[in-house]
Structure formats: structure tokens, C-alpha cells
Amino acid sequence: MAALRSEPVICPGCRADVAPAPVGFTWWGGMLGSKLLHHVECPACHVRFSGITGRSNAGRIAAYLSLAAGLVVLLGYLISRVR
């Protein structure tokens, strides 16, 4: 697993050279999703992005939500088959 960047990065939102802060909780992933995707926030403009790549996490968030929804549907199907 790759580590978060410890040195300052260029924020994709405001283009400032900042040291991003890790995000602890998000509406889409709770506490787990933000840790899995290394989600960080710019202290200057509050844009959130990947702490590893320095780019948006939008595609990874969509994949995370799709996977979670698929698991819920599969679990619901398996529970309905047991009854």
C-alpha cells in the first residue's frame, strides 16, 4: 500500500503549494472509504483529492460506490434465497 505524500503538493483546486490534511469521514465512504482512497483536503480552498496522485478521486469514488451497491444487491439476493 502506498503512503500519503508527506511533502507539500500542488492543490488541483487553487494551485497553491500546500500540505494536505487527511480526511477522516466522508458521506460516500464513511471512515473506511477515505482511508482506502487516501482522500485528503487542501487547507486553503478545501478541495478534496487523492493524497497519492494529487488528482481527483471522482472515478475511484464512483467505483467504490458501485462495488458497495453491488455487494448490497448480492447480499440481498443471497438472503432472499435462504428464506
Protein backbone atom coordinates (compact mmCIF):
# COMPACT_ATOMS: atom_id res chain seq x y z
CA MET A 1 0.00 0.00 0.00
CA ALA A 2 1.39 3.38 -0.98
CA ALA A 3 1.85 6.07 1.62
CA LEU A 4 0.44 9.58 1.57
CA ARG A 5 2.76 12.30 0.38
CA SER A 6 4.42 14.00 3.32
CA GLU A 7 5.83 16.89 1.29
CA PRO A 8 3.67 19.76 0.05
CA VAL A 9 1.77 19.20 -3.21
CA ILE A 10 0.10 21.47 -5.74
CA CYS A 11 -3.63 21.60 -4.98
CA PRO A 12 -5.72 20.82 -8.08
CA GLY A 13 -8.30 23.41 -6.97
CA CYS A 14 -6.38 26.56 -6.07
CA ARG A 15 -2.93 25.61 -7.43
CA ALA A 16 -1.34 26.54 -4.09
CA ASP A 17 1.65 24.60 -2.79
CA VAL A 18 0.12 23.08 0.37
CA ALA A 19 0.49 20.22 2.84
CA PRO A 20 -2.91 18.48 2.55
CA ALA A 21 -4.73 17.18 5.62
CA PRO A 22 -6.20 13.63 5.67
CA VAL A 23 -9.99 13.45 5.54
CA GLY A 24 -11.43 11.42 8.40
CA PHE A 25 -15.04 10.95 7.27
CA THR A 26 -16.99 11.32 4.01
CA TRP A 27 -20.67 10.88 3.12
CA TRP A 28 -19.82 8.35 0.42
CA GLY A 29 -17.39 6.15 2.29
CA GLY A 30 -17.68 6.86 5.98
CA MET A 31 -14.38 6.39 7.75
CA LEU A 32 -13.23 3.42 5.67
CA GLY A 33 -13.61 4.83 2.15
CA SER A 34 -11.50 7.91 2.74
CA LYS A 35 -8.70 5.77 4.19
CA LEU A 36 -8.80 3.26 1.32
CA LEU A 37 -8.63 6.00 -1.30
CA HIS A 38 -6.12 8.21 0.58
CA HIS A 39 -8.53 11.15 0.42
CA VAL A 40 -7.02 14.49 1.57
CA GLU A 41 -8.21 18.09 1.74
CA CYS A 42 -6.45 21.34 0.82
CA PRO A 43 -6.35 23.64 3.87
CA ALA A 44 -6.51 26.73 1.63
CA CYS A 45 -9.55 26.05 -0.60
CA HIS A 46 -10.98 22.82 0.95
CA VAL A 47 -10.85 20.87 -2.33
CA ARG A 48 -10.53 17.13 -1.69
CA PHE A 49 -8.31 14.89 -3.81
CA SER A 50 -6.04 11.84 -3.78
CA GLY A 51 -3.11 12.23 -1.40
CA ILE A 52 -1.03 9.88 -3.55
CA THR A 53 -1.63 11.13 -7.09
CA GLY A 54 -2.65 14.74 -6.37
CA ARG A 55 -5.64 14.32 -8.72
CA SER A 56 -9.38 13.97 -8.22
CA ASN A 57 -10.73 10.81 -6.62
CA ALA A 58 -14.05 11.06 -8.53
CA GLY A 59 -13.51 7.92 -10.62
CA ARG A 60 -12.33 5.90 -7.64
CA ILE A 61 -15.28 7.13 -5.57
CA ALA A 62 -17.70 6.03 -8.32
CA ALA A 63 -16.04 2.60 -8.42
CA TYR A 64 -16.17 2.35 -4.60
CA LEU A 65 -19.88 3.22 -4.54
CA SER A 66 -20.65 0.80 -7.40
CA LEU A 67 -18.83 -2.01 -5.63
CA ALA A 68 -20.65 -1.28 -2.37
CA ALA A 69 -24.02 -1.19 -4.13
CA GLY A 70 -23.23 -4.45 -5.92
CA LEU A 71 -22.35 -6.12 -2.63
CA VAL A 72 -25.63 -4.92 -1.07
CA VAL A 73 -27.64 -6.29 -4.02
CA LEU A 74 -25.76 -9.61 -3.88
CA LEU A 75 -26.25 -9.88 -0.14
CA GLY A 76 -29.97 -9.10 -0.51
CA TYR A 77 -30.30 -11.77 -3.19
CA LEU A 78 -28.50 -14.37 -1.11
CA ILE A 79 -30.64 -13.60 1.95
CA SER A 80 -33.84 -13.87 -0.12
CA ARG A 81 -32.73 -17.29 -1.45
CA VAL A 82 -32.24 -18.64 2.09
CA ARG A 83 -35.84 -17.93 3.12
